[in-house]
Amino acid sequence: MRERMLEQRRMEQERQEKESMRELLGRQMVEKKAREHHTKVHHDEQADIWARDKSNYEEEERRLKNKITNINKENAQFLQKQINERETKTTQRKMNKQEFQFNKPLLREINQKRKAANGDSETH
């Protein structure tokens, strides 16, 4: 009988150790799942931050590109305006046919006086 009680006590002790081991393993599994969940949440948050940073960077690059494009367009327009003004000034200096016919006698007189003045200065 004593052997039987010892055997029962030993079996009970093994059962308690197995139960204790199962509880320990269960707690470890719960802790592991909690760590994995925490890690996943952290990775998801980091991915969101990176996505926002990327979006903000791309938006800033688009804004700068548009600003540079607009500045270049304004500069091109300014330069084209200067070219047009210069061309307008050179064409405005020339007389049209009617003005030339009207001023022809005056231009002839100016030309003769210029020749006479040059002739005088060459002889002296």
C-alpha atoms as a PDB file:
ATOM      1  CA  MET A   1       0.000   0.000   0.000  1.00  0.00           C
ATOM      2  CA  ARG A   2       2.768   2.326   0.796  1.00  0.00           C
ATOM      3  CA  GLU A   3       4.228   1.810  -2.641  1.00  0.00           C
ATOM      4  CA  ARG A   4       0.895   2.585  -4.131  1.00  0.00           C
ATOM      5  CA  MET A   5       0.650   5.856  -2.190  1.00  0.00           C
ATOM      6  CA  LEU A   6       4.177   6.748  -3.195  1.00  0.00           C
ATOM      7  CA  GLU A   7       3.299   5.954  -6.774  1.00  0.00           C
ATOM      8  CA  GLN A   8       0.154   8.106  -6.571  1.00  0.00           C
ATOM      9  CA  ARG A   9       2.125  10.932  -4.968  1.00  0.00           C
ATOM     10  CA  ARG A  10       4.777  10.664  -7.682  1.00  0.00           C
ATOM     11  CA  MET A  11       2.103  10.630 -10.386  1.00  0.00           C
ATOM     12  CA  GLU A  12       0.351  13.615  -8.793  1.00  0.00           C
ATOM     13  CA  GLN A  13       3.653  15.459  -8.636  1.00  0.00           C
ATOM     14  CA  GLU A  14       4.308  14.668 -12.346  1.00  0.00           C
ATOM     15  CA  ARG A  15       0.794  15.836 -13.197  1.00  0.00           C
ATOM     16  CA  GLN A  16       1.331  19.089 -11.272  1.00  0.00           C
ATOM     17  CA  GLU A  17       4.706  19.611 -12.956  1.00  0.00           C
ATOM     18  CA  LYS A  18       3.113  19.000 -16.378  1.00  0.00           C
ATOM     19  CA  GLU A  19       0.290  21.387 -15.499  1.00  0.00           C
ATOM     20  CA  SER A  20       2.799  23.970 -14.262  1.00  0.00           C
ATOM     21  CA  MET A  21       4.807  23.520 -17.460  1.00  0.00           C
ATOM     22  CA  ARG A  22       1.628  23.966 -19.592  1.00  0.00           C
ATOM     23  CA  GLU A  23       0.767  27.153 -17.695  1.00  0.00           C
ATOM     24  CA  LEU A  24       4.310  28.457 -18.150  1.00  0.00           C
ATOM     25  CA  LEU A  25       4.243  27.640 -21.870  1.00  0.00           C
ATOM     26  CA  GLY A  26       0.799  29.254 -22.155  1.00  0.00           C
ATOM     27  CA  ARG A  27       2.050  32.457 -20.514  1.00  0.00           C
ATOM     28  CA  GLN A  28       5.118  32.443 -22.760  1.00  0.00           C
ATOM     29  CA  MET A  29       2.885  32.048 -25.832  1.00  0.00           C
ATOM     30  CA  VAL A  30       0.670  34.936 -24.688  1.00  0.00           C
ATOM     31  CA  GLU A  31       3.744  37.103 -24.064  1.00  0.00           C
ATOM     32  CA  LYS A  32       5.192  36.170 -27.449  1.00  0.00           C
ATOM     33  CA  LYS A  33       1.933  37.048 -29.224  1.00  0.00           C
ATOM     34  CA  ALA A  34       1.792  40.355 -27.322  1.00  0.00           C
ATOM     35  CA  ARG A  35       5.394  41.153 -28.366  1.00  0.00           C
ATOM     36  CA  GLU A  36       4.627  40.223 -31.978  1.00  0.00           C
ATOM     37  CA  HIS A  37       1.505  42.407 -31.900  1.00  0.00           C
ATOM     38  CA  HIS A  38       3.464  45.303 -30.381  1.00  0.00           C
ATOM     39  CA  THR A  39       6.195  44.889 -33.025  1.00  0.00           C
ATOM     40  CA  LYS A  40       3.593  44.806 -35.812  1.00  0.00           C
ATOM     41  CA  VAL A  41       1.890  47.939 -34.466  1.00  0.00           C
ATOM     42  CA  HIS A  42       5.272  49.677 -34.236  1.00  0.00           C
ATOM     43  CA  HIS A  43       6.161  48.663 -37.813  1.00  0.00           C
ATOM     44  CA  ASP A  44       2.774  49.863 -39.056  1.00  0.00           C
ATOM     45  CA  GLU A  45       3.260  53.212 -37.322  1.00  0.00           C
ATOM     46  CA  GLN A  46       6.742  53.534 -38.797  1.00  0.00           C
ATOM     47  CA  ALA A  47       5.395  52.692 -42.261  1.00  0.00           C
ATOM     48  CA  ASP A  48       2.726  55.397 -41.863  1.00  0.00           C
ATOM     49  CA  ILE A  49       5.371  57.939 -40.835  1.00  0.00           C
ATOM     50  CA  TRP A  50       7.542  57.032 -43.821  1.00  0.00           C
ATOM     51  CA  ALA A  51       4.561  57.233 -46.173  1.00  0.00           C
ATOM     52  CA  ARG A  52       3.685  60.711 -44.822  1.00  0.00           C
ATOM     53  CA  ASP A  53       7.310  61.828 -45.109  1.00  0.00           C
ATOM     54  CA  LYS A  54       7.469  60.559 -48.685  1.00  0.00           C
ATOM     55  CA  SER A  55       4.217  62.290 -49.566  1.00  0.00           C
ATOM     56  CA  ASN A  56       5.368  65.566 -47.980  1.00  0.00           C
ATOM     57  CA  TYR A  57       8.724  65.335 -49.783  1.00  0.00           C
ATOM     58  CA  GLU A  58       7.065  64.678 -53.144  1.00  0.00           C
ATOM     59  CA  GLU A  59       4.612  67.551 -52.593  1.00  0.00           C
ATOM     60  CA  GLU A  60       7.477  69.922 -51.721  1.00  0.00           C
ATOM     61  CA  GLU A  61       9.404  68.797 -54.809  1.00  0.00           C
ATOM     62  CA  ARG A  62       6.322  69.418 -57.000  1.00  0.00           C
ATOM     63  CA  ARG A  63       5.860  72.851 -55.425  1.00  0.00           C
ATOM     64  CA  LEU A  64       9.508  73.768 -56.022  1.00  0.00           C
ATOM     65  CA  LYS A  65       9.405  72.447 -59.592  1.00  0.00           C
ATOM     66  CA  ASN A  66       6.280  74.516 -60.321  1.00  0.00           C
ATOM     67  CA  LYS A  67       7.854  77.590 -58.729  1.00  0.00           C
ATOM     68  CA  ILE A  68      11.016  77.205 -60.815  1.00  0.00           C
ATOM     69  CA  THR A  69       8.939  76.622 -63.952  1.00  0.00           C
ATOM     70  CA  ASN A  70       6.920  79.775 -63.274  1.00  0.00           C
ATOM     71  CA  ILE A  71      10.079  81.814 -62.625  1.00  0.00           C
ATOM     72  CA  ASN A  72      11.592  80.531 -65.876  1.00  0.00           C
ATOM     73  CA  LYS A  73       8.389  81.404 -67.769  1.00  0.00           C
ATOM     74  CA  GLU A  74       8.371  84.904 -66.278  1.00  0.00           C
ATOM     75  CA  ASN A  75      12.037  85.381 -67.208  1.00  0.00           C
ATOM     76  CA  ALA A  76      11.385  84.148 -70.744  1.00  0.00           C
ATOM     77  CA  GLN A  77       8.434  86.529 -71.068  1.00  0.00           C
ATOM     78  CA  PHE A  78      10.529  89.423 -69.752  1.00  0.00           C
ATOM     79  CA  LEU A  79      13.326  88.668 -72.217  1.00  0.00           C
ATOM     80  CA  GLN A  80      10.841  88.300 -75.080  1.00  0.00           C
ATOM     81  CA  LYS A  81       9.311  91.664 -74.110  1.00  0.00           C
ATOM     82  CA  GLN A  82      12.769  93.270 -74.219  1.00  0.00           C
ATOM     83  CA  ILE A  83      13.432  91.717 -77.647  1.00  0.00           C
ATOM     84  CA  ASN A  84      10.073  92.948 -78.920  1.00  0.00           C
ATOM     85  CA  GLU A  85      10.682  96.441 -77.538  1.00  0.00           C
ATOM     86  CA  ARG A  86      14.106  96.579 -79.176  1.00  0.00           C
ATOM     87  CA  GLU A  87      12.647  95.417 -82.501  1.00  0.00           C
ATOM     88  CA  THR A  88       9.845  97.977 -82.187  1.00  0.00           C
ATOM     89  CA  LYS A  89      12.355 100.768 -81.536  1.00  0.00           C
ATOM     90  CA  THR A  90      14.442  99.833 -84.583  1.00  0.00           C
ATOM     91  CA  THR A  91      11.404  99.642 -86.836  1.00  0.00           C
ATOM     92  CA  GLN A  92      10.044 102.905 -85.460  1.00  0.00           C
ATOM     93  CA  ARG A  93      13.300 104.692 -86.335  1.00  0.00           C
ATOM     94  CA  LYS A  94      12.824 103.954 -90.014  1.00  0.00           C
ATOM     95  CA  MET A  95      10.537 106.141 -92.032  1.00  0.00           C
ATOM     96  CA  ASN A  96       7.754 104.708 -94.037  1.00  0.00           C
ATOM     97  CA  LYS A  97       7.422 105.665 -97.743  1.00  0.00           C
ATOM     98  CA  GLN A  98       5.141 108.623 -97.119  1.00  0.00           C
ATOM     99  CA  GLU A  99       7.418 110.062 -94.428  1.00  0.00           C
ATOM    100  CA  PHE A 100      10.426 109.598 -96.678  1.00  0.00           C
ATOM    101  CA  GLN A 101       8.732 111.378 -99.612  1.00  0.00           C
ATOM    102  CA  PHE A 102       7.651 114.204 -97.312  1.00  0.00           C
ATOM    103  CA  ASN A 103      11.136 114.596 -95.764  1.00  0.00           C
ATOM    104  CA  LYS A 104      13.096 114.001 -98.993  1.00  0.00           C
ATOM    105  CA  PRO A 105      13.868 117.696 -99.646  1.00  0.00           C
ATOM    106  CA  LEU A 106      14.992 118.196 -96.021  1.00  0.00           C
ATOM    107  CA  LEU A 107      17.116 115.046 -96.105  1.00  0.00           C
ATOM    108  CA  ARG A 108      18.738 116.196 -99.375  1.00  0.00           C
ATOM    109  CA  GLU A 109      19.532 119.567 -97.833  1.00  0.00           C
ATOM    110  CA  ILE A 110      20.985 117.944 -94.698  1.00  0.00           C
ATOM    111  CA  ASN A 111      23.075 115.636 -96.848  1.00  0.00           C
ATOM    112  CA  GLN A 112      24.411 118.546 -98.941  1.00  0.00           C
ATOM    113  CA  LYS A 113      25.307 120.532 -95.809  1.00  0.00           C
ATOM    114  CA  ARG A 114      27.074 117.499 -94.386  1.00  0.00           C
ATOM    115  CA  LYS A 115      29.065 117.063 -97.602  1.00  0.00           C
ATOM    116  CA  ALA A 116      29.904 120.753 -97.639  1.00  0.00           C
ATOM    117  CA  ALA A 117      31.017 120.597 -94.017  1.00  0.00           C
ATOM    118  CA  ASN A 118      33.166 117.549 -94.705  1.00  0.00           C
ATOM    119  CA  GLY A 119      34.590 119.178 -97.795  1.00  0.00           C
ATOM    120  CA  ASP A 120      35.502 122.278 -95.804  1.00  0.00           C
ATOM    121  CA  SER A 121      37.175 120.302 -93.094  1.00  0.00           C
ATOM    122  CA  GLU A 122      39.172 118.250 -95.636  1.00  0.00           C
ATOM    123  CA  THR A 123      40.554 121.405 -97.301  1.00  0.00           C
ATOM    124  CA  HIS A 124      41.679 122.916 -94.001  1.00  0.00           C
END
